């Protein structure tokens, strides 16, 4: 059996690798129990688990519950053993802390006009790191954005800039709010040809967004890929000003992330 220092080092190393890879995982810590208090088990959304509670039955029960917890969209919660494994009598009153580890949440914004700039600032206030892209260098000047949570990216090529910003797509929401059909199409094509981001939204009227989506469909982009696009972007809150439109967009991004329905809580 490895000593506690070795186990801690192995667990820390596993968490570090998962974060570097941009993977989702649940870290479960035994915080109250007849034995093995402090033991941890890491259950990735995909792949093998790390650690153990030194009881195969407990490990198996926790792994099953981790899948349930991951689908709940919660980030942290404490469970009693009896809540998910009443058959394990010794651990009925044991307490297990479930914690979600995930990539840093980012918003990639294509278009730094009034809506894009407002969206970048609001995303920062909500704890997201924003990347604001535009092919007009005067629209992404650092002197216009004091917020350090906003990365400014002048684009020589929309496609290259968007692919670089989106990366592997994990933890990334993409809002396409450019000034025209051509720019929209270039950005959306780049997004759909990269790895799957968590969210993709396209601004514009139903007619405008339908034109862009139809062009992409005719060029070979599959219906399955296009169905992932939220178009028109945002929740219907009757937004008029750029700041209100930004709010509608972030509301939809948060709803998708948290599993919300986007309706009124009073109904």
Protein backbone atom coordinates (compact mmCIF):
# COMPACT_ATOMS: atom_id res chain seq x y z
CA UNK A 1 0.00 0.00 0.00
CA UNK A 2 1.35 3.45 -0.92
CA UNK A 3 1.72 5.93 1.93
CA UNK A 4 -0.50 9.02 2.10
CA UNK A 5 2.18 11.29 0.62
CA UNK A 6 2.47 9.09 -2.46
CA UNK A 7 -1.30 8.92 -2.85
CA UNK A 8 -1.63 12.69 -2.53
CA UNK A 9 1.06 13.18 -5.15
CA UNK A 10 -0.61 10.73 -7.53
CA UNK A 11 -4.02 12.36 -7.09
CA UNK A 12 -2.59 15.86 -7.60
CA UNK A 13 -0.76 14.70 -10.71
CA UNK A 14 -3.93 13.12 -12.12
CA UNK A 15 -5.96 16.30 -11.52
CA UNK A 16 -3.24 18.39 -13.17
CA UNK A 17 -3.25 16.18 -16.26
CA UNK A 18 -7.04 16.30 -16.54
CA UNK A 19 -7.06 20.09 -16.33
CA UNK A 20 -4.30 20.35 -18.93
CA UNK A 21 -6.27 18.07 -21.25
CA UNK A 22 -9.41 20.12 -20.71
CA UNK A 23 -11.29 17.08 -19.42
CA UNK A 24 -14.29 16.90 -17.10
CA UNK A 25 -13.97 14.79 -13.96
CA UNK A 26 -15.48 14.32 -10.54
CA UNK A 27 -13.24 14.30 -7.47
CA UNK A 28 -14.85 12.43 -4.58
CA UNK A 29 -13.43 12.81 -1.07
CA UNK A 30 -14.45 10.74 1.94
CA UNK A 31 -14.94 13.41 4.60
CA UNK A 32 -16.62 11.37 7.36
CA UNK A 33 -16.54 7.58 7.69
CA UNK A 34 -15.63 4.65 9.94
CA UNK A 35 -12.26 4.44 8.12
CA UNK A 36 -10.15 5.89 5.32
CA UNK A 37 -11.27 9.48 5.94
CA UNK A 38 -9.54 11.77 3.45
CA UNK A 39 -9.28 9.14 0.73
CA UNK A 40 -10.08 10.37 -2.78
CA UNK A 41 -11.34 8.90 -6.02
CA UNK A 42 -11.16 10.75 -9.35
CA UNK A 43 -13.79 9.73 -11.89
CA UNK A 44 -13.21 11.28 -15.35
CA UNK A 45 -16.15 11.73 -17.71
CA UNK A 46 -14.12 9.53 -20.06
CA UNK A 47 -11.27 7.21 -19.19
CA UNK A 48 -10.08 5.30 -16.15
CA UNK A 49 -10.47 6.45 -12.56
CA UNK A 50 -7.65 7.24 -10.16
CA UNK A 51 -7.43 6.57 -6.43
CA UNK A 52 -9.51 4.30 -4.22
CA UNK A 53 -11.40 4.08 -0.94
CA UNK A 54 -9.71 0.69 -0.46
CA UNK A 55 -13.05 -1.06 -0.78
CA UNK A 56 -14.11 -2.26 -4.23
CA UNK A 57 -17.82 -2.08 -3.43
CA UNK A 58 -17.54 1.52 -2.26
CA UNK A 59 -15.46 2.45 -5.30
CA UNK A 60 -18.04 0.95 -7.67
CA UNK A 61 -20.93 2.71 -5.94
CA UNK A 62 -19.14 6.05 -6.01
CA UNK A 63 -18.27 5.68 -9.70
CA UNK A 64 -21.96 5.07 -10.50
CA UNK A 65 -22.99 8.10 -8.44
CA UNK A 66 -20.33 10.26 -10.10
CA UNK A 67 -22.04 9.71 -13.46
CA UNK A 68 -25.35 10.83 -11.94
CA UNK A 69 -23.69 13.87 -10.36
CA UNK A 70 -22.00 14.87 -13.61
CA UNK A 71 -25.32 14.88 -15.46
CA UNK A 72 -26.89 17.08 -12.75
CA UNK A 73 -24.78 20.15 -13.73
CA UNK A 74 -23.97 20.76 -10.07
CA UNK A 75 -20.40 21.67 -9.16
CA UNK A 76 -20.20 20.50 -5.56
CA UNK A 77 -22.40 18.47 -3.20
CA UNK A 78 -22.05 16.22 -0.18
CA UNK A 79 -23.87 12.87 -0.16
CA UNK A 80 -24.41 10.35 2.62
CA UNK A 81 -23.59 6.81 1.60
CA UNK A 82 -27.18 5.75 2.21
CA UNK A 83 -28.35 8.14 -0.52
CA UNK A 84 -26.70 6.20 -3.33
CA UNK A 85 -25.57 2.88 -1.82
CA UNK A 86 -27.86 1.82 1.06
CA UNK A 87 -26.61 -1.77 0.69
CA UNK A 88 -23.19 -0.71 2.03
CA UNK A 89 -24.32 -0.60 5.64
CA UNK A 90 -20.93 0.28 7.10
CA UNK A 91 -20.91 3.42 4.98
CA UNK A 92 -24.55 4.47 5.32
CA UNK A 93 -23.63 7.46 7.49
CA UNK A 94 -20.37 8.17 5.71
CA UNK A 95 -20.17 11.50 3.90
CA UNK A 96 -18.73 11.86 0.41
CA UNK A 97 -17.87 15.25 -1.07
CA UNK A 98 -18.38 15.33 -4.86
CA UNK A 99 -16.61 18.14 -6.74
CA UNK A 100 -16.57 18.88 -10.44
CA UNK A 101 -13.26 19.83 -12.03
CA UNK A 102 -13.47 21.33 -15.48
CA UNK A 103 -11.60 23.52 -17.95
CA UNK A 104 -11.61 27.26 -17.45
CA UNK A 105 -14.83 28.58 -18.96
CA UNK A 106 -14.20 30.79 -21.98
CA UNK A 107 -16.28 32.82 -24.40
CA UNK A 108 -14.87 33.37 -27.89
CA UNK A 109 -16.57 36.37 -29.48
CA UNK A 110 -16.33 36.93 -33.23
CA UNK A 111 -16.97 40.59 -33.86
CA UNK A 112 -15.96 43.51 -31.62
CA UNK A 113 -18.75 45.92 -32.43
CA UNK A 114 -21.10 47.29 -29.77
CA UNK A 115 -22.64 43.88 -28.98
CA UNK A 116 -19.33 42.01 -29.01
CA UNK A 117 -17.63 44.53 -26.74
CA UNK A 118 -20.56 44.50 -24.31
CA UNK A 119 -20.60 40.71 -24.35
CA UNK A 120 -16.88 40.49 -23.57
CA UNK A 121 -17.26 42.78 -20.58
CA UNK A 122 -20.33 40.94 -19.25
CA UNK A 123 -18.63 37.55 -19.68
CA UNK A 124 -15.73 38.79 -17.55
CA UNK A 125 -18.11 39.90 -14.81
CA UNK A 126 -19.60 36.39 -14.78
CA UNK A 127 -16.21 34.72 -14.36
CA UNK A 128 -15.57 33.72 -17.96
CA UNK A 129 -12.37 34.52 -19.85
CA UNK A 130 -13.32 36.30 -23.06
CA UNK A 131 -11.47 36.35 -26.37
CA UNK A 132 -12.63 39.18 -28.62
CA UNK A 133 -11.76 38.80 -32.31
CA UNK A 134 -12.07 41.31 -35.13
CA UNK A 135 -10.35 41.97 -38.44
CA UNK A 136 -10.56 45.72 -37.75
CA UNK A 137 -7.57 46.47 -35.53
CA UNK A 138 -9.09 49.72 -34.28
CA UNK A 139 -11.89 47.67 -32.68
CA UNK A 140 -9.56 45.56 -30.52
CA UNK A 141 -7.23 48.18 -29.05
CA UNK A 142 -6.08 47.51 -25.49
CA UNK A 143 -6.63 51.14 -24.50
CA UNK A 144 -10.36 50.60 -25.08
CA UNK A 145 -10.53 47.57 -22.78
CA UNK A 146 -9.16 47.92 -19.27
CA UNK A 147 -10.49 44.48 -18.28
CA UNK A 148 -7.62 41.98 -18.12
CA UNK A 149 -10.09 39.08 -18.42
CA UNK A 150 -10.57 40.08 -22.08
CA UNK A 151 -8.05 38.80 -24.60
CA UNK A 152 -7.95 40.94 -27.75
CA UNK A 153 -7.18 39.19 -31.01
CA UNK A 154 -6.76 41.15 -34.28
CA UNK A 155 -7.56 38.79 -37.16
CA UNK A 156 -5.61 38.71 -40.38
CA UNK A 157 -7.77 35.70 -41.24
CA UNK A 158 -11.08 35.08 -39.50
CA UNK A 159 -10.78 31.32 -39.97
CA UNK A 160 -7.28 31.03 -38.53
CA UNK A 161 -8.01 33.35 -35.61
CA UNK A 162 -11.22 31.53 -34.69
CA UNK A 163 -9.64 28.06 -34.86
CA UNK A 164 -6.74 29.20 -32.69
CA UNK A 165 -9.07 30.77 -30.12
CA UNK A 166 -11.49 27.83 -29.93
CA UNK A 167 -8.72 25.22 -29.58
CA UNK A 168 -10.14 21.84 -28.62
CA UNK A 169 -13.50 23.42 -27.77
CA UNK A 170 -13.71 22.16 -24.19
CA UNK A 171 -15.17 24.74 -21.86
CA UNK A 172 -15.64 27.12 -24.80
CA UNK A 173 -18.76 29.02 -25.86
CA UNK A 174 -18.64 30.80 -29.22
CA UNK A 175 -20.74 33.87 -30.05
CA UNK A 176 -20.66 35.01 -33.67
CA UNK A 177 -21.73 38.66 -33.74
CA UNK A 178 -19.90 40.05 -36.78
CA UNK A 179 -21.00 42.81 -39.15
CA UNK A 180 -22.01 40.74 -42.18
CA UNK A 181 -22.92 37.47 -43.89
CA UNK A 182 -19.43 36.79 -45.20
CA UNK A 183 -17.75 37.24 -41.83
CA UNK A 184 -20.46 35.16 -40.13
CA UNK A 185 -19.96 32.35 -42.61
CA UNK A 186 -16.17 32.33 -42.28
CA UNK A 187 -16.37 32.21 -38.47
CA UNK A 188 -19.08 29.57 -38.32
CA UNK A 189 -17.31 27.35 -40.82
CA UNK A 190 -14.11 27.59 -38.76
CA UNK A 191 -15.98 26.71 -35.56
CA UNK A 192 -17.80 23.73 -37.05
CA UNK A 193 -14.60 22.37 -38.56
CA UNK A 194 -12.79 22.50 -35.20
CA UNK A 195 -13.49 20.34 -32.19
CA UNK A 196 -16.88 20.55 -30.54
CA UNK A 197 -17.31 23.70 -28.42
CA UNK A 198 -19.86 23.66 -25.62
CA UNK A 199 -22.01 26.29 -27.33
CA UNK A 200 -22.21 28.05 -30.70
CA UNK A 201 -24.52 30.98 -31.36
CA UNK A 202 -25.05 33.17 -34.44
CA UNK A 203 -26.54 36.65 -34.24
CA UNK A 204 -29.06 38.03 -36.73
CA UNK A 205 -32.65 37.78 -37.80
CA UNK A 206 -34.14 34.41 -38.66
CA UNK A 207 -33.81 35.31 -42.33
CA UNK A 208 -30.14 36.29 -42.04
CA UNK A 209 -29.14 33.27 -39.99
CA UNK A 210 -31.11 30.96 -42.29
CA UNK A 211 -29.14 32.28 -45.28
CA UNK A 212 -25.80 31.62 -43.56
CA UNK A 213 -26.81 28.12 -42.43
CA UNK A 214 -28.12 27.24 -45.89
CA UNK A 215 -24.87 28.32 -47.51
CA UNK A 216 -22.93 26.09 -45.17
CA UNK A 217 -25.33 23.20 -45.77
CA UNK A 218 -24.87 23.56 -49.53
CA UNK A 219 -21.10 23.54 -49.06
CA UNK A 220 -21.18 20.17 -47.31
CA UNK A 221 -21.61 20.96 -43.61
CA UNK A 222 -23.87 18.26 -42.19
CA UNK A 223 -27.30 18.86 -40.69
CA UNK A 224 -26.05 17.30 -37.44
CA UNK A 225 -23.38 19.99 -37.14
CA UNK A 226 -25.73 22.82 -38.10
CA UNK A 227 -28.34 21.70 -35.55
CA UNK A 228 -25.84 22.55 -32.81
CA UNK A 229 -25.94 26.23 -33.78
CA UNK A 230 -28.20 28.50 -31.73
CA UNK A 231 -29.55 30.87 -34.36
CA UNK A 232 -30.73 33.49 -33.77
CA UNK A 233 -28.49 33.67 -30.72
CA UNK A 234 -29.68 34.30 -27.16
CA UNK A 235 -32.82 34.05 -25.06
CA UNK A 236 -35.92 36.06 -25.88
CA UNK A 237 -35.89 38.84 -23.29
CA UNK A 238 -37.01 41.59 -25.66
CA UNK A 239 -33.45 42.93 -25.87
CA UNK A 240 -32.92 46.21 -27.74
CA UNK A 241 -29.65 47.84 -26.66
CA UNK A 242 -26.22 46.21 -27.18
CA UNK A 243 -25.97 45.60 -23.45
CA UNK A 244 -29.37 43.90 -23.37
CA UNK A 245 -28.44 41.74 -26.37
CA UNK A 246 -25.23 40.76 -24.57
CA UNK A 247 -27.32 39.83 -21.53
CA UNK A 248 -29.62 37.66 -23.66
CA UNK A 249 -26.61 35.86 -25.13
CA UNK A 250 -24.90 35.24 -21.79
CA UNK A 251 -28.20 34.08 -20.31
CA UNK A 252 -28.42 31.38 -22.98
CA UNK A 253 -24.76 30.39 -22.52
CA UNK A 254 -25.27 30.02 -18.77
CA UNK A 255 -28.53 28.11 -19.27
CA UNK A 256 -26.80 25.61 -21.57
CA UNK A 257 -23.90 25.22 -19.15
CA UNK A 258 -26.08 24.81 -16.06
CA UNK A 259 -28.92 22.86 -17.62
CA UNK A 260 -31.46 25.65 -17.16
CA UNK A 261 -34.64 25.96 -19.23
CA UNK A 262 -34.49 29.71 -19.73
CA UNK A 263 -38.12 30.30 -18.71
CA UNK A 264 -39.62 32.43 -15.97
CA UNK A 265 -39.20 31.03 -12.46
CA UNK A 266 -42.69 32.25 -11.57
CA UNK A 267 -44.39 29.89 -14.05
